Structure formats: structure tokens, C-alpha cells
Amino acid sequence: MSAPEAQLSVDLSGLNCPLPILRAKKALADLPGGTVLHLICTDPGTPSDFEAFCRQTGHALTHQAQIDGKYQFWITRR
């Protein structure tokens, strides 16, 4: 499965928990429903963090991948 086209991409490289989640939450708040947010992270805890975040908030974790040592997530806003 390929990644969906994102309307906004945010590079969170170098940030550790809880900053990636907080920055993602802020970015999602400014987007309309159905919009895809692409996140790039280096914190190895982010895969489980974003799975839990999406479960709790109702946003959809549409796609995730590890590319060039970075964790990438595509979240569709509810």
C-alpha cells in the first residue's frame, strides 16, 4: 500500500516524546476534516505513540513507514 497524498507535512526529527504528539495535535487542529497530515519523526517511541494517539482521538493512522531511518506517519483528520 502506498502512502496517501498529504496536504501538510511536518518534520519532527530530533524531537522526543511528548513533543511529536503535541506538535501533531496542534497541526491537526488547524486542518479540516478528511485532510491528511504527513509526519517525519526520529524518536523510536513514535510508532506506538501515534497508534495510541489515533485510537484515543478518532483520527485515522492511514499509513506508516520507516524510510532512511526515520519513522513516517500519514494521519487523516477525523
C-alpha atoms as a PDB file:
ATOM      1  CA  MET A   1       0.000   0.000   0.000  1.00  0.00           C
ATOM      2  CA  SER A   2       1.376   3.384  -0.932  1.00  0.00           C
ATOM      3  CA  ALA A   3       1.150   6.493   1.197  1.00  0.00           C
ATOM      4  CA  PRO A   4      -1.754   8.859   0.583  1.00  0.00           C
ATOM      5  CA  GLU A   5      -1.128  12.379  -0.687  1.00  0.00           C
ATOM      6  CA  ALA A   6      -0.715  14.703   2.285  1.00  0.00           C
ATOM      7  CA  GLN A   7      -1.953  18.278   2.404  1.00  0.00           C
ATOM      8  CA  LEU A   8       0.620  19.165   5.094  1.00  0.00           C
ATOM      9  CA  SER A   9       3.987  17.667   6.006  1.00  0.00           C
ATOM     10  CA  VAL A  10       5.723  18.330   9.332  1.00  0.00           C
ATOM     11  CA  ASP A  11       9.303  17.272  10.076  1.00  0.00           C
ATOM     12  CA  LEU A  12       9.598  16.416  13.774  1.00  0.00           C
ATOM     13  CA  SER A  13      13.117  14.962  13.505  1.00  0.00           C
ATOM     14  CA  GLY A  14      15.149  15.350  16.674  1.00  0.00           C
ATOM     15  CA  LEU A  15      12.117  15.798  18.922  1.00  0.00           C
ATOM     16  CA  ASN A  16      11.384  13.265  21.656  1.00  0.00           C
ATOM     17  CA  CYS A  17       8.204  12.335  23.480  1.00  0.00           C
ATOM     18  CA  PRO A  18       5.890  14.107  24.110  1.00  0.00           C
ATOM     19  CA  LEU A  19       6.784  16.803  21.555  1.00  0.00           C
ATOM     20  CA  PRO A  20       5.944  14.841  18.347  1.00  0.00           C
ATOM     21  CA  ILE A  21       2.431  14.105  19.649  1.00  0.00           C
ATOM     22  CA  LEU A  22       1.901  17.681  20.840  1.00  0.00           C
ATOM     23  CA  ARG A  23       3.065  19.161  17.517  1.00  0.00           C
ATOM     24  CA  ALA A  24       0.912  16.692  15.560  1.00  0.00           C
ATOM     25  CA  LYS A  25      -2.119  17.577  17.691  1.00  0.00           C
ATOM     26  CA  LYS A  26      -1.543  21.285  17.032  1.00  0.00           C
ATOM     27  CA  ALA A  27      -1.131  20.735  13.268  1.00  0.00           C
ATOM     28  CA  LEU A  28      -4.284  18.594  13.089  1.00  0.00           C
ATOM     29  CA  ALA A  29      -6.311  21.236  14.944  1.00  0.00           C
ATOM     30  CA  ASP A  30      -5.687  23.687  12.080  1.00  0.00           C
ATOM     31  CA  LEU A  31      -6.725  21.238   9.328  1.00  0.00           C
ATOM     32  CA  PRO A  32     -10.229  20.497   8.034  1.00  0.00           C
ATOM     33  CA  GLY A  33     -11.731  17.008   8.442  1.00  0.00           C
ATOM     34  CA  GLY A  34     -10.522  14.425   5.940  1.00  0.00           C
ATOM     35  CA  THR A  35      -7.172  16.172   5.476  1.00  0.00           C
ATOM     36  CA  VAL A  36      -4.007  14.044   5.520  1.00  0.00           C
ATOM     37  CA  LEU A  37      -1.077  15.100   7.719  1.00  0.00           C
ATOM     38  CA  HIS A  38       2.376  13.601   6.996  1.00  0.00           C
ATOM     39  CA  LEU A  39       4.801  13.415   9.921  1.00  0.00           C
ATOM     40  CA  ILE A  40       8.527  12.606   9.907  1.00  0.00           C
ATOM     41  CA  CYS A  41       9.999  11.513  13.256  1.00  0.00           C
ATOM     42  CA  THR A  42      13.226  10.097  14.667  1.00  0.00           C
ATOM     43  CA  ASP A  43      12.003   9.105  18.157  1.00  0.00           C
ATOM     44  CA  PRO A  44      11.783   5.260  18.205  1.00  0.00           C
ATOM     45  CA  GLY A  45       8.753   5.501  20.508  1.00  0.00           C
ATOM     46  CA  THR A  46       6.604   7.313  17.966  1.00  0.00           C
ATOM     47  CA  PRO A  47       5.088   4.244  16.223  1.00  0.00           C
ATOM     48  CA  SER A  48       3.317   3.105  19.393  1.00  0.00           C
ATOM     49  CA  ASP A  49       2.662   6.720  20.460  1.00  0.00           C
ATOM     50  CA  PHE A  50       0.866   7.606  17.228  1.00  0.00           C
ATOM     51  CA  GLU A  51      -1.130   4.351  17.201  1.00  0.00           C
ATOM     52  CA  ALA A  52      -2.388   5.166  20.708  1.00  0.00           C
ATOM     53  CA  PHE A  53      -2.958   8.833  19.808  1.00  0.00           C
ATOM     54  CA  CYS A  54      -5.135   7.911  16.819  1.00  0.00           C
ATOM     55  CA  ARG A  55      -7.108   5.336  18.833  1.00  0.00           C
ATOM     56  CA  GLN A  56      -7.808   7.921  21.528  1.00  0.00           C
ATOM     57  CA  THR A  57      -8.638  10.862  19.250  1.00  0.00           C
ATOM     58  CA  GLY A  58     -10.527   9.143  16.425  1.00  0.00           C
ATOM     59  CA  HIS A  59      -8.093  10.246  13.716  1.00  0.00           C
ATOM     60  CA  ALA A  60      -7.045   7.519  11.262  1.00  0.00           C
ATOM     61  CA  LEU A  61      -3.445   6.317  11.059  1.00  0.00           C
ATOM     62  CA  THR A  62      -3.733   5.840   7.305  1.00  0.00           C
ATOM     63  CA  HIS A  63      -0.173   4.696   6.582  1.00  0.00           C
ATOM     64  CA  GLN A  64       3.197   4.361   8.292  1.00  0.00           C
ATOM     65  CA  ALA A  65       6.670   3.525   7.067  1.00  0.00           C
ATOM     66  CA  GLN A  66      10.306   3.618   8.086  1.00  0.00           C
ATOM     67  CA  ILE A  67      12.297   5.395   5.388  1.00  0.00           C
ATOM     68  CA  ASP A  68      16.018   6.212   5.666  1.00  0.00           C
ATOM     69  CA  GLY A  69      15.958   5.526   9.405  1.00  0.00           C
ATOM     70  CA  LYS A  70      13.046   7.894  10.034  1.00  0.00           C
ATOM     71  CA  TYR A  71       9.538   6.969  11.105  1.00  0.00           C
ATOM     72  CA  GLN A  72       6.866   8.417   8.857  1.00  0.00           C
ATOM     73  CA  PHE A  73       3.146   8.607   9.502  1.00  0.00           C
ATOM     74  CA  TRP A  74       0.142   9.702   7.480  1.00  0.00           C
ATOM     75  CA  ILE A  75      -2.790  10.651   9.672  1.00  0.00           C
ATOM     76  CA  THR A  76      -6.221  11.506   8.274  1.00  0.00           C
ATOM     77  CA  ARG A  77      -8.054  14.028  10.425  1.00  0.00           C
ATOM     78  CA  ARG A  78     -11.492  12.940  11.608  1.00  0.00           C
END
